[in-house]
C-alpha cells in the first residue's frame, strides 16, 4: 500500500507532503512538499467554501509533487467543525478521552446514546470504511464538512483519511525521540488556534480558541489605517524586539504633534515651528517603532491566551506540565511568538517541527535550501518552512492512515 500524502487546508493555501519513516538519528525523511495558493475565504475556520476551486488546487498540488496514484490522502482537519464538536461532547467525556473513545469503539450502538444528546447533525464514523469507500481514521465532524471533503475526493479520485484536529495529529505523528516527553503543540492558523498535549504516545487533551494570525492582521490594519494586505505584509516584516517603554516616553508629545496618535489638548506642547522641523527619516523610524510595539502587544495577547489554557489544564485538572512547546501554522510565523511563549511558560519552545533538520530532495524546491554538510543531493527545510508545512508533514506520518 502506498504511503499517505499529508494534506493541510490552510486559509492561504493547500500544503501537501510525502514522508518516509524517521531514521535512527531522529531525522524525518520528507520526500516532497508543495503548495498551491487559495484566496482568502476559500477555506474559513476549517470549512471549505469553494469545493471545486479547492479540489482543483489540491489535484494540482499532488501533481506538483508527483504523488503516486494509489496513495491515500491523510487530511488534518482543523478549525471549528472539529473543535466545536469536541467541546459539545457531554461533560462525561473530556475532549481527549472522547477521541480515544471513538478510536477504541467498534460499534455505533456504543456511541449513539451519547451522541444523540449532543447534536443530531454530527456524523461520527468509527474506524471502518464508509459506504463510498473512503477510509475515515478518526471522525467527529459535521456532515457538511464530510460532504465537502468527499467532493474533493471525487475530483482527486483518492481514498481519504480524516484525522484529528491539526495540532493533535502532529502530537500523535511525531516520533517520540523528536519531541519532549510531555509536549504541547499550538497550531496557530488563520482564524483559530488548536492546542494539543501529549505524554509519551498518549493524547491528553485538545483545545481550540477562536483567534489566530488574522486577528493580529485586522488589529494592525485598523490601528494604522491600512489595507489588510498591507497589514499582513507589515506583520511578516516587523521585528518584535523587546521595546523599552522608557525610550518611548520622550516621543509621546511628538507623536501627537505629527499625527501618530489621536489629537488632543496637548498638541500645542511642541508648537507649530517644531512640527515643521521634523526630520522625515525620524518620523518614519518612529512610525516603525510604533508598529513594532503594536505588533508585539497583539502577539503577547494571543500567546497569553494559549499559555492560559495550558496553565489552567495544569492547575484545574492536574494535567502534567509540558517540558516543551512547538508552535506551528502560518500564524506562528509572526515575529516574537516563540520568544514570548518561552518567556511565559519558561520551557523550551520550538518554531516548526522540533528536530535537527528535515532532509528532503530537489522536488521540494523552492521550499528547501542545500545542506552544506550533506553533499550535493542533501537539502534542508528552513525553520520558517517547517512551521508552515508542519501540519501536512505530521498528517503524512499519522499512524492511523497507514
Protein backbone atom coordinates (compact mmCIF):
# COMPACT_ATOMS: atom_id res chain seq x y z
CA UNK A 1 0.00 0.00 0.00
CA UNK A 2 1.30 3.43 -0.92
CA UNK A 3 2.17 5.76 1.93
CA UNK A 4 -0.36 8.52 2.61
CA UNK A 5 0.01 12.09 1.40
CA UNK A 6 -0.43 14.61 4.22
CA UNK A 7 -2.82 17.46 3.39
CA UNK A 8 -3.39 20.71 5.25
CA UNK A 9 -6.18 23.04 4.09
CA UNK A 10 -4.89 26.43 5.17
CA UNK A 11 -6.55 29.80 4.77
CA UNK A 12 -3.96 30.95 2.23
CA UNK A 13 -3.09 27.69 0.53
CA UNK A 14 -3.13 23.92 0.37
CA UNK A 15 0.01 22.24 1.68
CA UNK A 16 0.85 18.65 0.75
CA UNK A 17 3.69 16.45 1.97
CA UNK A 18 5.10 12.99 1.35
CA UNK A 19 7.32 11.44 4.03
CA UNK A 20 9.36 8.33 4.73
CA UNK A 21 9.96 6.84 8.14
CA UNK A 22 12.15 8.56 10.70
CA UNK A 23 15.69 7.22 10.69
CA UNK A 24 17.72 6.20 13.72
CA UNK A 25 19.17 9.68 14.10
CA UNK A 26 15.70 11.18 14.51
CA UNK A 27 15.58 12.84 11.09
CA UNK A 28 12.28 12.62 9.25
CA UNK A 29 12.77 11.94 5.58
CA UNK A 30 10.37 14.28 3.83
CA UNK A 31 10.29 13.13 0.24
CA UNK A 32 8.43 16.08 -1.27
CA UNK A 33 6.41 19.10 -0.18
CA UNK A 34 4.36 21.52 -2.22
CA UNK A 35 1.79 24.29 -2.01
CA UNK A 36 -1.00 25.71 -4.13
CA UNK A 37 -2.39 29.13 -3.15
CA UNK A 38 -6.01 29.80 -2.27
CA UNK A 39 -7.83 33.08 -1.93
CA UNK A 40 -8.86 34.37 1.46
CA UNK A 41 -12.34 32.99 2.06
CA UNK A 42 -11.99 29.71 0.13
CA UNK A 43 -11.35 27.91 3.42
CA UNK A 44 -12.67 29.55 6.57
CA UNK A 45 -12.13 28.02 10.01
CA UNK A 46 -11.85 24.54 8.57
CA UNK A 47 -14.92 24.81 6.33
CA UNK A 48 -14.40 24.51 2.60
CA UNK A 49 -16.28 27.34 0.90
CA UNK A 50 -15.33 26.75 -2.74
CA UNK A 51 -15.33 22.99 -3.31
CA UNK A 52 -14.44 22.96 -6.99
CA UNK A 53 -11.63 25.51 -6.65
CA UNK A 54 -10.16 23.79 -3.60
CA UNK A 55 -10.36 20.36 -5.24
CA UNK A 56 -8.67 21.63 -8.40
CA UNK A 57 -5.89 23.27 -6.36
CA UNK A 58 -5.37 20.06 -4.39
CA UNK A 59 -5.17 17.98 -7.57
CA UNK A 60 -2.58 20.41 -8.97
CA UNK A 61 -0.52 20.29 -5.76
CA UNK A 62 -0.50 16.49 -5.90
CA UNK A 63 0.71 16.64 -9.49
CA UNK A 64 3.44 19.09 -8.48
CA UNK A 65 4.96 16.61 -6.02
CA UNK A 66 4.40 13.65 -8.37
CA UNK A 67 2.19 11.88 -5.84
CA UNK A 68 1.71 8.16 -6.61
CA UNK A 69 -1.75 7.40 -7.98
CA UNK A 70 -2.52 4.81 -5.32
CA UNK A 71 -1.54 6.94 -2.33
CA UNK A 72 -4.39 7.88 0.04
CA UNK A 73 -4.78 11.38 1.44
CA UNK A 74 -4.43 11.98 5.18
CA UNK A 75 -6.30 15.24 5.79
CA UNK A 76 -5.61 17.07 9.04
CA UNK A 77 -8.99 18.54 9.84
CA UNK A 78 -8.61 21.82 11.70
CA UNK A 79 -10.92 24.64 12.57
CA UNK A 80 -14.21 24.95 14.33
CA UNK A 81 -16.02 21.99 12.77
CA UNK A 82 -13.95 19.55 14.77
CA UNK A 83 -13.03 21.79 17.68
CA UNK A 84 -16.63 22.81 18.40
CA UNK A 85 -17.70 19.19 18.14
CA UNK A 86 -15.16 18.24 20.78
CA UNK A 87 -16.46 20.95 23.07
CA UNK A 88 -20.08 19.85 22.57
CA UNK A 89 -19.43 16.39 23.95
CA UNK A 90 -21.10 15.95 27.38
CA UNK A 91 -19.03 16.52 30.49
CA UNK A 92 -18.73 12.75 30.95
CA UNK A 93 -16.10 12.80 28.23
CA UNK A 94 -13.22 15.23 28.20
CA UNK A 95 -12.10 16.09 24.66
CA UNK A 96 -9.02 13.89 24.64
CA UNK A 97 -10.87 11.00 26.25
CA UNK A 98 -13.66 11.30 23.72
CA UNK A 99 -11.23 10.97 20.82
CA UNK A 100 -9.80 7.86 22.45
CA UNK A 101 -13.32 6.53 22.99
CA UNK A 102 -14.08 6.93 19.30
CA UNK A 103 -10.90 5.21 18.28
CA UNK A 104 -11.50 2.25 20.58
CA UNK A 105 -15.20 1.87 19.77
CA UNK A 106 -16.23 -0.83 17.35
CA UNK A 107 -19.96 -0.30 17.06
CA UNK A 108 -22.20 2.72 16.51
CA UNK A 109 -24.55 1.31 19.16
CA UNK A 110 -21.97 2.09 21.83
CA UNK A 111 -21.68 5.69 20.64
CA UNK A 112 -25.23 6.58 19.67
CA UNK A 113 -26.79 7.19 23.13
CA UNK A 114 -24.12 9.75 23.95
CA UNK A 115 -24.07 11.44 20.57
CA UNK A 116 -27.84 11.80 20.28
CA UNK A 117 -27.76 14.07 23.31
CA UNK A 118 -25.25 16.36 21.64
CA UNK A 119 -26.32 17.33 18.13
CA UNK A 120 -28.34 15.44 15.54
CA UNK A 121 -26.17 16.85 12.75
CA UNK A 122 -22.92 15.30 13.95
CA UNK A 123 -21.75 12.42 11.82
CA UNK A 124 -19.41 10.08 13.67
CA UNK A 125 -17.67 7.33 11.73
CA UNK A 126 -15.57 4.76 13.65
CA UNK A 127 -12.51 3.08 12.20
CA UNK A 128 -14.12 1.44 9.21
CA UNK A 129 -14.90 2.11 5.58
CA UNK A 130 -17.78 4.40 4.79
CA UNK A 131 -20.37 3.48 2.18
CA UNK A 132 -18.49 5.29 -0.58
CA UNK A 133 -15.23 3.51 0.18
CA UNK A 134 -13.39 6.37 1.89
CA UNK A 135 -11.38 5.40 4.94
CA UNK A 136 -12.05 7.65 7.91
CA UNK A 137 -9.42 7.28 10.61
CA UNK A 138 -10.92 9.45 13.33
CA UNK A 139 -14.05 11.50 12.91
CA UNK A 140 -16.27 13.79 14.90
CA UNK A 141 -17.24 16.23 12.21
CA UNK A 142 -20.38 17.77 10.78
CA UNK A 143 -21.99 16.18 7.75
CA UNK A 144 -21.33 19.46 5.92
CA UNK A 145 -17.56 19.17 6.25
CA UNK A 146 -17.63 15.45 5.44
CA UNK A 147 -19.58 16.29 2.28
CA UNK A 148 -17.01 18.96 1.37
CA UNK A 149 -14.13 16.55 1.70
CA UNK A 150 -15.95 13.84 -0.25
CA UNK A 151 -16.45 16.34 -3.07
CA UNK A 152 -12.71 16.98 -3.06
CA UNK A 153 -12.10 13.23 -3.08
CA UNK A 154 -14.28 12.82 -6.15
CA UNK A 155 -12.05 15.20 -8.12
CA UNK A 156 -8.75 13.79 -6.88
CA UNK A 157 -10.02 10.17 -7.10
CA UNK A 158 -8.22 9.16 -3.93
CA UNK A 159 -9.13 7.50 -0.67
CA UNK A 160 -9.40 9.93 2.21
CA UNK A 161 -8.33 9.53 5.81
CA UNK A 162 -9.74 12.21 8.09
CA UNK A 163 -7.70 12.65 11.23
CA UNK A 164 -7.85 14.70 14.38
CA UNK A 165 -7.58 18.48 14.71
CA UNK A 166 -4.29 19.53 13.19
CA UNK A 167 -2.26 20.05 16.36
CA UNK A 168 -3.46 16.73 17.76
CA UNK A 169 -2.42 14.99 14.55
CA UNK A 170 1.07 16.41 14.94
CA UNK A 171 1.27 15.32 18.56
CA UNK A 172 0.35 11.77 17.58
CA UNK A 173 2.50 11.65 14.48
CA UNK A 174 5.89 12.87 15.62
CA UNK A 175 8.19 10.09 16.74
CA UNK A 176 8.92 10.14 20.46
CA UNK A 177 12.66 10.95 20.20
CA UNK A 178 11.84 14.12 18.26
CA UNK A 179 9.78 15.87 20.94
CA UNK A 180 9.69 16.21 24.69
CA UNK A 181 8.04 13.53 26.79
CA UNK A 182 5.19 15.91 27.62
CA UNK A 183 4.74 18.02 24.51
CA UNK A 184 2.26 20.78 23.70
CA UNK A 185 1.72 21.83 20.09
CA UNK A 186 -0.07 25.10 19.29
CA UNK A 187 -1.11 25.27 15.66
CA UNK A 188 -1.75 28.99 15.04
CA UNK A 189 -3.97 29.14 12.00
CA UNK A 190 -5.64 31.97 10.13
CA UNK A 191 -8.72 32.33 12.32
CA UNK A 192 -8.22 29.87 15.16
CA UNK A 193 -5.54 28.17 17.23
CA UNK A 194 -5.71 24.47 18.04
CA UNK A 195 -3.73 23.29 21.05
CA UNK A 196 -2.98 19.67 21.93
CA UNK A 197 -0.92 17.94 24.60
CA UNK A 198 0.72 14.54 24.60
CA UNK A 199 2.51 12.45 27.21
CA UNK A 200 4.54 9.73 25.58
CA UNK A 201 2.25 8.12 22.99
CA UNK A 202 -0.99 9.28 24.67
CA UNK A 203 -3.01 12.31 23.62
CA UNK A 204 -4.04 14.06 26.84
CA UNK A 205 -6.23 16.94 25.70
CA UNK A 206 -7.23 19.16 22.79
CA UNK A 207 -8.46 22.76 22.94
CA UNK A 208 -9.36 25.46 20.42
CA UNK A 209 -9.52 29.24 20.73
CA UNK A 210 -11.16 31.43 18.04
CA UNK A 211 -8.09 33.60 17.47
CA UNK A 212 -5.16 33.36 15.09
CA UNK A 213 -2.97 35.29 12.70
CA UNK A 214 -5.99 37.01 11.15
CA UNK A 215 -6.77 38.75 14.45
CA UNK A 216 -3.31 40.31 14.54
CA UNK A 217 -3.61 41.45 10.92
CA UNK A 218 -7.01 43.05 11.49
CA UNK A 219 -5.87 44.94 14.58
CA UNK A 220 -2.81 46.32 12.78
CA UNK A 221 -4.92 47.35 9.77
CA UNK A 222 -7.39 49.17 11.97
CA UNK A 223 -4.82 50.82 14.20
CA UNK A 224 -2.65 52.14 11.37
CA UNK A 225 -5.44 52.74 8.84
CA UNK A 226 -4.07 50.43 6.14
CA UNK A 227 -5.43 47.62 3.99
CA UNK A 228 -5.49 44.01 5.17
CA UNK A 229 -2.86 43.15 2.54
CA UNK A 230 -0.51 45.89 3.77
CA UNK A 231 -1.07 44.86 7.38
CA UNK A 232 -0.24 41.23 6.56
CA UNK A 233 2.98 42.35 4.88
CA UNK A 234 3.81 44.57 7.84
CA UNK A 235 3.22 41.66 10.23
CA UNK A 236 5.63 39.48 8.29
CA UNK A 237 8.45 42.02 8.12
CA UNK A 238 8.49 43.71 11.51
CA UNK A 239 10.95 42.56 14.12
CA UNK A 240 9.37 42.05 17.53
CA UNK A 241 12.33 43.07 19.64
CA UNK A 242 11.75 43.90 23.26
CA UNK A 243 10.66 47.51 23.44
CA UNK A 244 11.99 49.75 26.19
CA UNK A 245 8.97 51.68 27.40
CA UNK A 246 11.18 54.45 28.78
CA UNK A 247 12.53 55.05 25.31
CA UNK A 248 9.02 55.82 24.12
CA UNK A 249 8.24 58.33 26.84
CA UNK A 250 10.09 61.21 25.23
CA UNK A 251 8.17 60.67 21.98
CA UNK A 252 4.63 60.88 23.36
CA UNK A 253 4.02 64.58 22.71
CA UNK A 254 5.98 64.38 19.47
CA UNK A 255 3.75 61.54 18.22
CA UNK A 256 0.63 63.55 18.85
CA UNK A 257 2.09 66.54 17.04
CA UNK A 258 2.85 64.63 13.84
CA UNK A 259 -0.29 62.52 13.81
CA UNK A 260 0.98 59.17 15.12
CA UNK A 261 -1.58 59.34 17.90
CA UNK A 262 -5.02 60.92 18.17
CA UNK A 263 -5.08 64.70 18.54
CA UNK A 264 -5.80 66.02 22.00
CA UNK A 265 -5.34 69.12 24.09
CA UNK A 266 -1.61 68.52 24.49
CA UNK A 267 -0.90 69.02 20.79
CA UNK A 268 0.37 72.56 21.30
CA UNK A 269 3.18 71.33 23.60
CA UNK A 270 5.56 71.16 20.65
CA UNK A 271 4.35 74.23 18.79
CA UNK A 272 3.95 74.74 15.06
CA UNK A 273 7.60 75.57 14.39
CA UNK A 274 8.82 72.27 15.80
CA UNK A 275 6.27 70.28 13.80
CA UNK A 276 7.57 71.85 10.56
CA UNK A 277 11.13 70.97 11.55
CA UNK A 278 10.52 67.23 11.98
CA UNK A 279 13.01 65.13 10.04
CA UNK A 280 11.10 62.74 7.68
CA UNK A 281 13.57 59.95 8.45
CA UNK A 282 12.97 60.37 12.18
CA UNK A 283 9.22 60.29 11.58
CA UNK A 284 9.49 57.09 9.53
CA UNK A 285 11.68 55.45 12.16
CA UNK A 286 9.22 56.43 14.87
CA UNK A 287 6.33 55.02 12.82
CA UNK A 288 8.13 51.69 12.56
CA UNK A 289 8.74 51.67 16.30
CA UNK A 290 5.04 52.28 16.89
CA UNK A 291 4.08 49.48 14.51
CA UNK A 292 6.53 47.08 16.12
CA UNK A 293 5.20 47.92 19.57
CA UNK A 294 1.61 47.35 18.39
CA UNK A 295 2.53 44.03 16.79
CA UNK A 296 4.32 42.88 19.93
CA UNK A 297 1.24 43.72 22.01
CA UNK A 298 -1.03 41.61 19.75
CA UNK A 299 1.41 38.69 19.72
CA UNK A 300 1.59 38.85 23.52
CA UNK A 301 -2.21 38.80 23.72
CA UNK A 302 -2.52 35.66 21.58
CA UNK A 303 0.36 33.85 23.28
CA UNK A 304 -1.05 34.74 26.70
CA UNK A 305 -4.37 33.13 25.69
CA UNK A 306 -2.58 29.94 24.64
CA UNK A 307 -0.44 29.88 27.77
CA UNK A 308 -3.50 30.47 29.96
CA UNK A 309 -5.19 27.36 28.56
CA UNK A 310 -2.09 25.27 29.22
CA UNK A 311 -1.78 26.66 32.75
CA UNK A 312 -5.48 26.09 33.50
CA UNK A 313 -5.19 22.46 32.41
CA UNK A 314 -2.29 22.02 34.80
CA UNK A 315 -3.94 23.91 37.66
CA UNK A 316 -7.59 22.81 37.39
CA UNK A 317 -7.33 19.28 36.01
CA UNK A 318 -3.95 18.12 37.24
CA UNK A 319 -2.57 17.69 33.73
CA UNK A 320 1.21 17.28 33.59
CA UNK A 321 3.23 20.39 32.86
CA UNK A 322 4.84 20.36 29.41
CA UNK A 323 8.59 20.20 29.14
CA UNK A 324 8.46 21.59 25.61
CA UNK A 325 6.14 23.54 23.29
CA UNK A 326 6.00 23.59 19.50
CA UNK A 327 4.40 26.45 17.53
CA UNK A 328 3.25 25.61 14.02
CA UNK A 329 1.00 27.13 11.37
CA UNK A 330 1.40 30.20 9.22
CA UNK A 331 0.03 32.36 12.01
CA UNK A 332 3.00 31.18 14.03
CA UNK A 333 5.34 32.92 11.61
CA UNK A 334 4.54 36.23 13.29
CA UNK A 335 7.77 37.60 14.78
CA UNK A 336 8.01 37.16 18.52
CA UNK A 337 5.68 34.19 19.06
CA UNK A 338 8.39 31.73 20.06
CA UNK A 339 10.21 34.15 22.37
CA UNK A 340 7.01 35.26 24.08
CA UNK A 341 5.82 31.69 24.68
CA UNK A 342 9.20 30.71 26.10
CA UNK A 343 9.17 33.73 28.40
CA UNK A 344 5.64 32.96 29.60
CA UNK A 345 5.94 29.19 30.22
CA UNK A 346 9.69 29.02 30.90
CA UNK A 347 10.15 25.82 28.88
CA UNK A 348 11.90 25.21 25.55
CA UNK A 349 9.76 26.43 22.64
CA UNK A 350 10.32 25.45 19.02
CA UNK A 351 9.08 27.10 15.85
CA UNK A 352 8.21 24.33 13.42
CA UNK A 353 9.00 20.67 13.83
CA UNK A 354 11.34 20.06 16.78
CA UNK A 355 14.09 18.15 15.03
CA UNK A 356 17.64 18.83 13.97
CA UNK A 357 16.69 19.04 10.33
CA UNK A 358 14.31 17.57 7.79
CA UNK A 359 16.03 16.01 4.81
CA UNK A 360 14.18 16.43 1.52
CA UNK A 361 15.04 16.12 -2.15
CA UNK A 362 15.17 18.58 -5.01
CA UNK A 363 11.50 18.13 -5.93
CA UNK A 364 10.60 20.31 -2.96
CA UNK A 365 12.38 23.44 -4.12
CA UNK A 366 11.85 26.38 -3.64
CA UNK A 367 10.88 25.33 -0.11
CA UNK A 368 14.30 23.89 0.69
CA UNK A 369 17.91 25.00 0.85
CA UNK A 370 21.01 22.96 0.12
CA UNK A 371 22.62 21.44 3.19
CA UNK A 372 26.34 22.36 3.00
CA UNK A 373 27.28 19.44 5.22
CA UNK A 374 25.35 16.79 3.36
CA UNK A 375 26.74 16.69 -0.15
CA UNK A 376 25.25 17.68 -3.47
CA UNK A 377 21.96 15.78 -3.01
CA UNK A 378 21.14 16.85 0.54
CA UNK A 379 18.65 19.62 1.28
CA UNK A 380 17.07 21.10 4.37
CA UNK A 381 13.75 22.74 5.10
CA UNK A 382 14.33 26.21 6.65
CA UNK A 383 12.69 26.72 10.03
CA UNK A 384 10.04 29.07 8.62
CA UNK A 385 9.02 26.46 6.05
CA UNK A 386 8.97 23.75 8.72
CA UNK A 387 6.43 25.75 10.64
CA UNK A 388 4.21 26.30 7.63
CA UNK A 389 4.29 22.68 6.43
CA UNK A 390 4.30 21.07 9.89
CA UNK A 391 0.64 20.01 9.82
CA UNK A 392 0.89 18.42 6.38
CA UNK A 393 4.09 16.60 7.35
CA UNK A 394 2.51 15.42 10.60
CA UNK A 395 -0.59 14.19 8.78
CA UNK A 396 1.52 12.15 6.37
CA UNK A 397 3.10 10.38 9.35
CA UNK A 398 -0.16 9.71 11.18
CA UNK A 399 -0.25 6.02 12.20
CA UNK A 400 -4.00 5.63 11.75
CA UNK A 401 -3.91 6.14 7.99
CA UNK A 402 -1.03 3.88 7.11
